PDB file of all heavy atoms in Angstrom:
ATOM      1  N   LYS A   1       6.113  -5.182  14.729  1.00  0.00           N
ATOM      2  CA  LYS A   1       5.210  -4.037  14.732  1.00  0.00           C
ATOM      3  C   LYS A   1       4.027  -4.315  13.834  1.00  0.00           C
ATOM      4  O   LYS A   1       4.135  -5.058  12.861  1.00  0.00           O
ATOM      5  CB  LYS A   1       5.930  -2.811  14.161  1.00  0.00           C
ATOM      6  CG  LYS A   1       6.370  -1.804  15.157  1.00  0.00           C
ATOM      7  CD  LYS A   1       6.937  -0.609  14.391  1.00  0.00           C
ATOM      8  CE  LYS A   1       7.242   0.509  15.335  1.00  0.00           C
ATOM      9  NZ  LYS A   1       7.917   1.607  14.660  1.00  0.00           N
ATOM     10  N   VAL A   2       2.913  -3.637  14.130  1.00  0.00           N
ATOM     11  CA  VAL A   2       1.709  -3.772  13.310  1.00  0.00           C
ATOM     12  C   VAL A   2       1.135  -2.382  13.072  1.00  0.00           C
ATOM     13  O   VAL A   2       1.025  -1.587  13.998  1.00  0.00           O
ATOM     14  CB  VAL A   2       0.638  -4.631  14.023  1.00  0.00           C
ATOM     15  CG1 VAL A   2      -0.646  -4.674  13.204  1.00  0.00           C
ATOM     16  CG2 VAL A   2       1.146  -6.025  14.292  1.00  0.00           C
ATOM     17  N   TYR A   3       0.777  -2.114  11.832  1.00  0.00           N
ATOM     18  CA  TYR A   3       0.013  -0.921  11.495  1.00  0.00           C
ATOM     19  C   TYR A   3      -1.341  -1.376  10.957  1.00  0.00           C
ATOM     20  O   TYR A   3      -1.424  -2.367  10.232  1.00  0.00           O
ATOM     21  CB  TYR A   3       0.702  -0.083  10.411  1.00  0.00           C
ATOM     22  CG  TYR A   3       1.944   0.625  10.865  1.00  0.00           C
ATOM     23  CD1 TYR A   3       3.188   0.269  10.352  1.00  0.00           C
ATOM     24  CD2 TYR A   3       1.885   1.662  11.787  1.00  0.00           C
ATOM     25  CE1 TYR A   3       4.344   0.923  10.747  1.00  0.00           C
ATOM     26  CE2 TYR A   3       3.036   2.319  12.197  1.00  0.00           C
ATOM     27  CZ  TYR A   3       4.260   1.949  11.668  1.00  0.00           C
ATOM     28  OH  TYR A   3       5.387   2.602  12.071  1.00  0.00           O
ATOM     29  N   LEU A   4      -2.386  -0.633  11.291  1.00  0.00           N
ATOM     30  CA  LEU A   4      -3.730  -0.896  10.780  1.00  0.00           C
ATOM     31  C   LEU A   4      -4.141   0.277   9.915  1.00  0.00           C
ATOM     32  O   LEU A   4      -4.083   1.430  10.356  1.00  0.00           O
ATOM     33  CB  LEU A   4      -4.716  -1.063  11.937  1.00  0.00           C
ATOM     34  CG  LEU A   4      -6.208  -1.108  11.565  1.00  0.00           C
ATOM     35  CD1 LEU A   4      -6.506  -2.323  10.702  1.00  0.00           C
ATOM     36  CD2 LEU A   4      -7.063  -1.107  12.818  1.00  0.00           C
ATOM     37  N   CYS A   5      -4.547   0.004   8.692  1.00  0.00           N
ATOM     38  CA  CYS A   5      -5.046   1.043   7.799  1.00  0.00           C
ATOM     39  C   CYS A   5      -6.541   0.828   7.578  1.00  0.00           C
ATOM     40  O   CYS A   5      -6.955  -0.221   7.102  1.00  0.00           O
ATOM     41  CB  CYS A   5      -4.318   1.019   6.465  1.00  0.00           C
ATOM     42  SG  CYS A   5      -4.884   2.340   5.359  1.00  0.00           S
ATOM     43  N   THR A   6      -7.309   1.828   7.938  1.00  0.00           N
ATOM     44  CA  THR A   6      -8.760   1.751   7.754  1.00  0.00           C
ATOM     45  C   THR A   6      -9.226   2.652   6.619  1.00  0.00           C
ATOM     46  O   THR A   6     -10.418   2.737   6.360  1.00  0.00           O
ATOM     47  CB  THR A   6      -9.496   2.142   9.053  1.00  0.00           C
ATOM     48  OG1 THR A   6      -9.121   3.476   9.420  1.00  0.00           O
ATOM     49  CG2 THR A   6      -9.150   1.181  10.177  1.00  0.00           C
ATOM     50  N   GLU A   7      -8.294   3.336   5.953  1.00  0.00           N
ATOM     51  CA  GLU A   7      -8.655   4.189   4.826  1.00  0.00           C
ATOM     52  C   GLU A   7      -9.084   3.304   3.667  1.00  0.00           C
ATOM     53  O   GLU A   7      -8.502   2.267   3.419  1.00  0.00           O
ATOM     54  CB  GLU A   7      -7.463   5.041   4.372  1.00  0.00           C
ATOM     55  CG  GLU A   7      -6.999   6.052   5.380  1.00  0.00           C
ATOM     56  CD  GLU A   7      -8.031   7.118   5.664  1.00  0.00           C
ATOM     57  OE1 GLU A   7      -8.590   7.692   4.721  1.00  0.00           O
ATOM     58  OE2 GLU A   7      -8.273   7.371   6.855  1.00  0.00           O
ATOM     59  N   GLY A   8     -10.076   3.748   2.940  1.00  0.00           N
ATOM     60  CA  GLY A   8     -10.483   2.995   1.765  1.00  0.00           C
ATOM     61  C   GLY A   8     -11.966   3.119   1.514  1.00  0.00           C
ATOM     62  O   GLY A   8     -12.678   3.841   2.206  1.00  0.00           O
ATOM     63  N   THR A   9     -12.403   2.417   0.527  1.00  0.00           N
ATOM     64  CA  THR A   9     -13.768   2.489   0.050  1.00  0.00           C
ATOM     65  C   THR A   9     -14.073   1.234  -0.752  1.00  0.00           C
ATOM     66  O   THR A   9     -13.158   0.534  -1.191  1.00  0.00           O
ATOM     67  CB  THR A   9     -13.947   3.759  -0.818  1.00  0.00           C
ATOM     68  OG1 THR A   9     -15.168   3.686  -1.522  1.00  0.00           O
ATOM     69  CG2 THR A   9     -12.833   3.915  -1.828  1.00  0.00           C
ATOM     70  N   THR A  10     -15.346   0.977  -0.970  1.00  0.00           N
ATOM     71  CA  THR A  10     -15.719  -0.182  -1.780  1.00  0.00           C
ATOM     72  C   THR A  10     -15.265  -0.033  -3.227  1.00  0.00           C
ATOM     73  O   THR A  10     -15.262  -1.017  -3.973  1.00  0.00           O
ATOM     74  CB  THR A  10     -17.238  -0.421  -1.740  1.00  0.00           C
ATOM     75  OG1 THR A  10     -17.904   0.756  -2.214  1.00  0.00           O
ATOM     76  CG2 THR A  10     -17.707  -0.746  -0.339  1.00  0.00           C
ATOM     77  N   ALA A  11     -14.857   1.150  -3.623  1.00  0.00           N
ATOM     78  CA  ALA A  11     -14.321   1.343  -4.976  1.00  0.00           C
ATOM     79  C   ALA A  11     -13.085   0.474  -5.204  1.00  0.00           C
ATOM     80  O   ALA A  11     -12.751   0.159  -6.346  1.00  0.00           O
ATOM     81  CB  ALA A  11     -13.979   2.819  -5.211  1.00  0.00           C
ATOM     82  N   LEU A  12     -12.418   0.067  -4.131  1.00  0.00           N
ATOM     83  CA  LEU A  12     -11.221  -0.756  -4.259  1.00  0.00           C
ATOM     84  C   LEU A  12     -11.522  -2.245  -4.350  1.00  0.00           C
ATOM     85  O   LEU A  12     -10.611  -3.050  -4.526  1.00  0.00           O
ATOM     86  CB  LEU A  12     -10.274  -0.484  -3.085  1.00  0.00           C
ATOM     87  CG  LEU A  12      -9.679   0.924  -3.056  1.00  0.00           C
ATOM     88  CD1 LEU A  12      -8.873   1.127  -1.776  1.00  0.00           C
ATOM     89  CD2 LEU A  12      -8.831   1.174  -4.294  1.00  0.00           C
ATOM     90  N   ALA A  13     -12.779  -2.617  -4.248  1.00  0.00           N
ATOM     91  CA  ALA A  13     -13.161  -4.031  -4.336  1.00  0.00           C
ATOM     92  C   ALA A  13     -13.346  -4.422  -5.798  1.00  0.00           C
ATOM     93  O   ALA A  13     -14.356  -4.996  -6.195  1.00  0.00           O
ATOM     94  CB  ALA A  13     -14.435  -4.277  -3.537  1.00  0.00           C
ATOM     95  N   LYS A  14     -12.346  -4.090  -6.591  1.00  0.00           N
ATOM     96  CA  LYS A  14     -12.395  -4.332  -8.035  1.00  0.00           C
ATOM     97  C   LYS A  14     -11.024  -4.759  -8.539  1.00  0.00           C
ATOM     98  O   LYS A  14     -10.003  -4.496  -7.905  1.00  0.00           O
ATOM     99  CB  LYS A  14     -12.809  -3.050  -8.754  1.00  0.00           C
ATOM    100  CG  LYS A  14     -14.180  -2.561  -8.370  1.00  0.00           C
ATOM    101  CD  LYS A  14     -14.587  -1.373  -9.208  1.00  0.00           C
ATOM    102  CE  LYS A  14     -15.971  -0.956  -8.805  1.00  0.00           C
ATOM    103  NZ  LYS A  14     -15.970   0.257  -8.021  1.00  0.00           N
ATOM    104  N   GLY A  15     -11.023  -5.364  -9.703  1.00  0.00           N
ATOM    105  CA  GLY A  15      -9.777  -5.764 -10.335  1.00  0.00           C
ATOM    106  C   GLY A  15      -8.850  -4.583 -10.535  1.00  0.00           C
ATOM    107  O   GLY A  15      -9.282  -3.489 -10.883  1.00  0.00           O
ATOM    108  N   GLY A  16      -7.584  -4.815 -10.302  1.00  0.00           N
ATOM    109  CA  GLY A  16      -6.575  -3.781 -10.488  1.00  0.00           C
ATOM    110  C   GLY A  16      -6.166  -3.094  -9.195  1.00  0.00           C
ATOM    111  O   GLY A  16      -5.099  -2.478  -9.135  1.00  0.00           O
ATOM    112  N   SER A  17      -6.979  -3.206  -8.163  1.00  0.00           N
ATOM    113  CA  SER A  17      -6.654  -2.523  -6.904  1.00  0.00           C
ATOM    114  C   SER A  17      -5.394  -3.084  -6.261  1.00  0.00           C
ATOM    115  O   SER A  17      -4.552  -2.335  -5.767  1.00  0.00           O
ATOM    116  CB  SER A  17      -7.823  -2.611  -5.923  1.00  0.00           C
ATOM    117  OG  SER A  17      -8.932  -1.907  -6.426  1.00  0.00           O
ATOM    118  N   GLY A  18      -5.260  -4.392  -6.262  1.00  0.00           N
ATOM    119  CA  GLY A  18      -4.062  -5.008  -5.691  1.00  0.00           C
ATOM    120  C   GLY A  18      -2.815  -4.651  -6.479  1.00  0.00           C
ATOM    121  O   GLY A  18      -1.747  -4.415  -5.897  1.00  0.00           O
ATOM    122  N   ASP A  19      -2.938  -4.572  -7.805  1.00  0.00           N
ATOM    123  CA  ASP A  19      -1.800  -4.177  -8.638  1.00  0.00           C
ATOM    124  C   ASP A  19      -1.379  -2.748  -8.316  1.00  0.00           C
ATOM    125  O   ASP A  19      -0.180  -2.442  -8.230  1.00  0.00           O
ATOM    126  CB  ASP A  19      -2.155  -4.276 -10.119  1.00  0.00           C
ATOM    127  CG  ASP A  19      -2.394  -5.705 -10.587  1.00  0.00           C
ATOM    128  OD1 ASP A  19      -1.996  -6.636  -9.878  1.00  0.00           O
ATOM    129  OD2 ASP A  19      -2.993  -5.868 -11.667  1.00  0.00           O
ATOM    130  N   MET A  20      -2.369  -1.858  -8.139  1.00  0.00           N
ATOM    131  CA  MET A  20      -2.038  -0.467  -7.789  1.00  0.00           C
ATOM    132  C   MET A  20      -1.318  -0.426  -6.448  1.00  0.00           C
ATOM    133  O   MET A  20      -0.312   0.272  -6.291  1.00  0.00           O
ATOM    134  CB  MET A  20      -3.302   0.391  -7.716  1.00  0.00           C
ATOM    135  CG  MET A  20      -3.943   0.667  -9.053  1.00  0.00           C
ATOM    136  SD  MET A  20      -5.317   1.842  -8.945  1.00  0.00           S
ATOM    137  CE  MET A  20      -6.521   0.923  -7.985  1.00  0.00           C
ATOM    138  N   LEU A  21      -1.834  -1.166  -5.473  1.00  0.00           N
ATOM    139  CA  LEU A  21      -1.222  -1.174  -4.145  1.00  0.00           C
ATOM    140  C   LEU A  21       0.212  -1.690  -4.215  1.00  0.00           C
ATOM    141  O   LEU A  21       1.125  -1.084  -3.640  1.00  0.00           O
ATOM    142  CB  LEU A  21      -2.048  -2.026  -3.181  1.00  0.00           C
ATOM    143  CG  LEU A  21      -1.505  -2.140  -1.756  1.00  0.00           C
ATOM    144  CD1 LEU A  21      -1.376  -0.769  -1.103  1.00  0.00           C
ATOM    145  CD2 LEU A  21      -2.402  -3.051  -0.928  1.00  0.00           C
ATOM    146  N   ALA A  22       0.425  -2.783  -4.904  1.00  0.00           N
ATOM    147  CA  ALA A  22       1.775  -3.345  -5.022  1.00  0.00           C
ATOM    148  C   ALA A  22       2.719  -2.341  -5.687  1.00  0.00           C
ATOM    149  O   ALA A  22       3.878  -2.202  -5.272  1.00  0.00           O
ATOM    150  CB  ALA A  22       1.737  -4.651  -5.812  1.00  0.00           C
ATOM    151  N   GLY A  23       2.234  -1.637  -6.692  1.00  0.00           N
ATOM    152  CA  GLY A  23       3.056  -0.637  -7.361  1.00  0.00           C
ATOM    153  C   GLY A  23       3.401   0.538  -6.465  1.00  0.00           C
ATOM    154  O   GLY A  23       4.539   1.018  -6.450  1.00  0.00           O
ATOM    155  N   ILE A  24       2.433   0.993  -5.677  1.00  0.00           N
ATOM    156  CA  ILE A  24       2.673   2.110  -4.756  1.00  0.00           C
ATOM    157  C   ILE A  24       3.656   1.687  -3.670  1.00  0.00           C
ATOM    158  O   ILE A  24       4.598   2.429  -3.347  1.00  0.00           O
ATOM    159  CB  ILE A  24       1.346   2.619  -4.165  1.00  0.00           C
ATOM    160  CG1 ILE A  24       0.499   3.286  -5.263  1.00  0.00           C
ATOM    161  CG2 ILE A  24       1.604   3.605  -3.028  1.00  0.00           C
ATOM    162  CD1 ILE A  24      -0.937   3.572  -4.851  1.00  0.00           C
ATOM    163  N   VAL A  25       3.459   0.508  -3.098  1.00  0.00           N
ATOM    164  CA  VAL A  25       4.386   0.009  -2.076  1.00  0.00           C
ATOM    165  C   VAL A  25       5.796  -0.101  -2.650  1.00  0.00           C
ATOM    166  O   VAL A  25       6.775   0.345  -2.035  1.00  0.00           O
ATOM    167  CB  VAL A  25       3.908  -1.352  -1.508  1.00  0.00           C
ATOM    168  CG1 VAL A  25       4.984  -1.997  -0.640  1.00  0.00           C
ATOM    169  CG2 VAL A  25       2.617  -1.175  -0.722  1.00  0.00           C
ATOM    170  N   SER A  26       5.913  -0.666  -3.846  1.00  0.00           N
ATOM    171  CA  SER A  26       7.227  -0.799  -4.492  1.00  0.00           C
ATOM    172  C   SER A  26       7.868   0.558  -4.726  1.00  0.00           C
ATOM    173  O   SER A  26       9.084   0.724  -4.553  1.00  0.00           O
ATOM    174  CB  SER A  26       7.093  -1.541  -5.826  1.00  0.00           C
ATOM    175  OG  SER A  26       6.602  -2.838  -5.615  1.00  0.00           O
ATOM    176  N   SER A  27       7.061   1.535  -5.100  1.00  0.00           N
ATOM    177  CA  SER A  27       7.576   2.889  -5.315  1.00  0.00           C
ATOM    178  C   SER A  27       8.150   3.464  -4.027  1.00  0.00           C
ATOM    179  O   SER A  27       9.235   4.050  -4.023  1.00  0.00           O
ATOM    180  CB  SER A  27       6.454   3.786  -5.834  1.00  0.00           C
ATOM    181  OG  SER A  27       6.856   5.145  -5.829  1.00  0.00           O
ATOM    182  N   TYR A  28       7.428   3.276  -2.917  1.00  0.00           N
ATOM    183  CA  TYR A  28       7.935   3.787  -1.639  1.00  0.00           C
ATOM    184  C   TYR A  28       9.224   3.073  -1.225  1.00  0.00           C
ATOM    185  O   TYR A  28      10.147   3.694  -0.703  1.00  0.00           O
ATOM    186  CB  TYR A  28       6.873   3.672  -0.541  1.00  0.00           C
ATOM    187  CG  TYR A  28       5.776   4.713  -0.650  1.00  0.00           C
ATOM    188  CD1 TYR A  28       4.446   4.356  -0.473  1.00  0.00           C
ATOM    189  CD2 TYR A  28       6.061   6.044  -0.924  1.00  0.00           C
ATOM    190  CE1 TYR A  28       3.428   5.300  -0.567  1.00  0.00           C
ATOM    191  CE2 TYR A  28       5.065   6.990  -1.017  1.00  0.00           C
ATOM    192  CZ  TYR A  28       3.743   6.618  -0.839  1.00  0.00           C
ATOM    193  OH  TYR A  28       2.746   7.558  -0.925  1.00  0.00           O
ATOM    194  N   VAL A  29       9.303   1.773  -1.469  1.00  0.00           N
ATOM    195  CA  VAL A  29      10.538   1.040  -1.172  1.00  0.00           C
ATOM    196  C   VAL A  29      11.675   1.588  -2.020  1.00  0.00           C
ATOM    197  O   VAL A  29      12.774   1.858  -1.521  1.00  0.00           O
ATOM    198  CB  VAL A  29      10.366  -0.481  -1.408  1.00  0.00           C
ATOM    199  CG1 VAL A  29      11.712  -1.205  -1.341  1.00  0.00           C
ATOM    200  CG2 VAL A  29       9.391  -1.072  -0.396  1.00  0.00           C
ATOM    201  N   ALA A  30      11.428   1.777  -3.313  1.00  0.00           N
ATOM    202  CA  ALA A  30      12.462   2.293  -4.214  1.00  0.00           C
ATOM    203  C   ALA A  30      12.918   3.698  -3.824  1.00  0.00           C
ATOM    204  O   ALA A  30      14.057   4.080  -4.093  1.00  0.00           O
ATOM    205  CB  ALA A  30      11.940   2.287  -5.652  1.00  0.00           C
ATOM    206  N   GLN A  31      12.033   4.443  -3.154  1.00  0.00           N
ATOM    207  CA  GLN A  31      12.398   5.792  -2.705  1.00  0.00           C
ATOM    208  C   GLN A  31      13.109   5.791  -1.354  1.00  0.00           C
ATOM    209  O   GLN A  31      13.474   6.843  -0.846  1.00  0.00           O
ATOM    210  CB  GLN A  31      11.142   6.665  -2.614  1.00  0.00           C
ATOM    211  CG  GLN A  31      10.505   6.933  -3.966  1.00  0.00           C
ATOM    212  CD  GLN A  31       9.210   7.691  -3.831  1.00  0.00           C
ATOM    213  OE1 GLN A  31       9.194   8.827  -3.375  1.00  0.00           O
ATOM    214  NE2 GLN A  31       8.111   7.058  -4.216  1.00  0.00           N
ATOM    215  N   GLY A  32      13.288   4.606  -0.760  1.00  0.00           N
ATOM    216  CA  GLY A  32      14.069   4.510   0.462  1.00  0.00           C
ATOM    217  C   GLY A  32      13.302   4.192   1.733  1.00  0.00           C
ATOM    218  O   GLY A  32      13.898   4.101   2.802  1.00  0.00           O
ATOM    219  N   CYS A  33      11.986   4.005   1.661  1.00  0.00           N
ATOM    220  CA  CYS A  33      11.224   3.624   2.863  1.00  0.00           C
ATOM    221  C   CYS A  33      11.579   2.202   3.271  1.00  0.00           C
ATOM    222  O   CYS A  33      11.808   1.353   2.408  1.00  0.00           O
ATOM    223  CB  CYS A  33       9.717   3.661   2.584  1.00  0.00           C
ATOM    224  SG  CYS A  33       8.982   5.289   2.578  1.00  0.00           S
ATOM    225  N   ASN A  34      11.568   1.947   4.567  1.00  0.00           N
ATOM    226  CA  ASN A  34      11.747   0.560   4.999  1.00  0.00           C
ATOM    227  C   ASN A  34      10.472  -0.218   4.654  1.00  0.00           C
ATOM    228  O   ASN A  34       9.433   0.367   4.346  1.00  0.00           O
ATOM    229  CB  ASN A  34      12.102   0.469   6.487  1.00  0.00           C
ATOM    230  CG  ASN A  34      10.964   0.881   7.394  1.00  0.00           C
ATOM    231  OD1 ASN A  34       9.850   0.360   7.301  1.00  0.00           O
ATOM    232  ND2 ASN A  34      11.230   1.811   8.293  1.00  0.00           N
ATOM    233  N   ALA A  35      10.553  -1.518   4.716  1.00  0.00           N
ATOM    234  CA  ALA A  35       9.462  -2.376   4.234  1.00  0.00           C
ATOM    235  C   ALA A  35       8.144  -2.122   4.959  1.00  0.00           C
ATOM    236  O   ALA A  35       7.097  -1.976   4.322  1.00  0.00           O
ATOM    237  CB  ALA A  35       9.861  -3.835   4.352  1.00  0.00           C
ATOM    238  N   LEU A  36       8.163  -2.072   6.281  1.00  0.00           N
ATOM    239  CA  LEU A  36       6.918  -1.894   7.028  1.00  0.00           C
ATOM    240  C   LEU A  36       6.293  -0.529   6.753  1.00  0.00           C
ATOM    241  O   LEU A  36       5.091  -0.427   6.519  1.00  0.00           O
ATOM    242  CB  LEU A  36       7.156  -2.077   8.529  1.00  0.00           C
ATOM    243  CG  LEU A  36       5.911  -1.967   9.393  1.00  0.00           C
ATOM    244  CD1 LEU A  36       4.913  -3.081   9.065  1.00  0.00           C
ATOM    245  CD2 LEU A  36       6.281  -2.004  10.869  1.00  0.00           C
ATOM    246  N   ASP A  37       7.104   0.515   6.755  1.00  0.00           N
ATOM    247  CA  ASP A  37       6.576   1.849   6.473  1.00  0.00           C
ATOM    248  C   ASP A  37       6.045   1.942   5.052  1.00  0.00           C
ATOM    249  O   ASP A  37       5.006   2.555   4.806  1.00  0.00           O
ATOM    250  CB  ASP A  37       7.638   2.916   6.710  1.00  0.00           C
ATOM    251  CG  ASP A  37       7.976   3.111   8.185  1.00  0.00           C
ATOM    252  OD1 ASP A  37       7.213   2.631   9.045  1.00  0.00           O
ATOM    253  OD2 ASP A  37       9.010   3.749   8.470  1.00  0.00           O
ATOM    254  N   ALA A  38       6.747   1.346   4.099  1.00  0.00           N
ATOM    255  CA  ALA A  38       6.291   1.362   2.707  1.00  0.00           C
ATOM    256  C   ALA A  38       4.948   0.655   2.564  1.00  0.00           C
ATOM    257  O   ALA A  38       4.057   1.134   1.859  1.00  0.00           O
ATOM    258  CB  ALA A  38       7.334   0.715   1.795  1.00  0.00           C
ATOM    259  N   ALA A  39       4.805  -0.482   3.247  1.00  0.00           N
ATOM    260  CA  ALA A  39       3.547  -1.234   3.179  1.00  0.00           C
ATOM    261  C   ALA A  39       2.401  -0.424   3.782  1.00  0.00           C
ATOM    262  O   ALA A  39       1.332  -0.290   3.176  1.00  0.00           O
ATOM    263  CB  ALA A  39       3.696  -2.574   3.893  1.00  0.00           C
ATOM    264  N   ALA A  40       2.617   0.122   4.971  1.00  0.00           N
ATOM    265  CA  ALA A  40       1.561   0.896   5.636  1.00  0.00           C
ATOM    266  C   ALA A  40       1.237   2.165   4.861  1.00  0.00           C
ATOM    267  O   ALA A  40       0.064   2.498   4.646  1.00  0.00           O
ATOM    268  CB  ALA A  40       1.989   1.231   7.063  1.00  0.00           C
ATOM    269  N   LEU A  41       2.263   2.868   4.423  1.00  0.00           N
ATOM    270  CA  LEU A  41       2.046   4.110   3.673  1.00  0.00           C
ATOM    271  C   LEU A  41       1.391   3.830   2.327  1.00  0.00           C
ATOM    272  O   LEU A  41       0.533   4.586   1.872  1.00  0.00           O
ATOM    273  CB  LEU A  41       3.377   4.847   3.486  1.00  0.00           C
ATOM    274  CG  LEU A  41       3.323   6.212   2.834  1.00  0.00           C
ATOM    275  CD1 LEU A  41       2.399   7.168   3.593  1.00  0.00           C
ATOM    276  CD2 LEU A  41       4.732   6.800   2.742  1.00  0.00           C
ATOM    277  N   GLY A  42       1.756   2.720   1.696  1.00  0.00           N
ATOM    278  CA  GLY A  42       1.125   2.347   0.430  1.00  0.00           C
ATOM    279  C   GLY A  42      -0.356   2.097   0.600  1.00  0.00           C
ATOM    280  O   GLY A  42      -1.175   2.546  -0.203  1.00  0.00           O
ATOM    281  N   SER A  43      -0.721   1.386   1.664  1.00  0.00           N
ATOM    282  CA  SER A  43      -2.135   1.117   1.933  1.00  0.00           C
ATOM    283  C   SER A  43      -2.891   2.412   2.216  1.00  0.00           C
ATOM    284  O   SER A  43      -3.984   2.634   1.691  1.00  0.00           O
ATOM    285  CB  SER A  43      -2.259   0.156   3.121  1.00  0.00           C
ATOM    286  OG  SER A  43      -3.607  -0.133   3.378  1.00  0.00           O
TER     287      SER A  43
END
């Protein structure tokens, strides 16, 4: 399966954005989301 996320802004083209995304994705996984849903929902 593939999900496309077009939400965002140039504000994310800065240091720390990837760390925030990884943390949000990890949080969704820890709350019970499957990997693909956690990744898409995190983005």
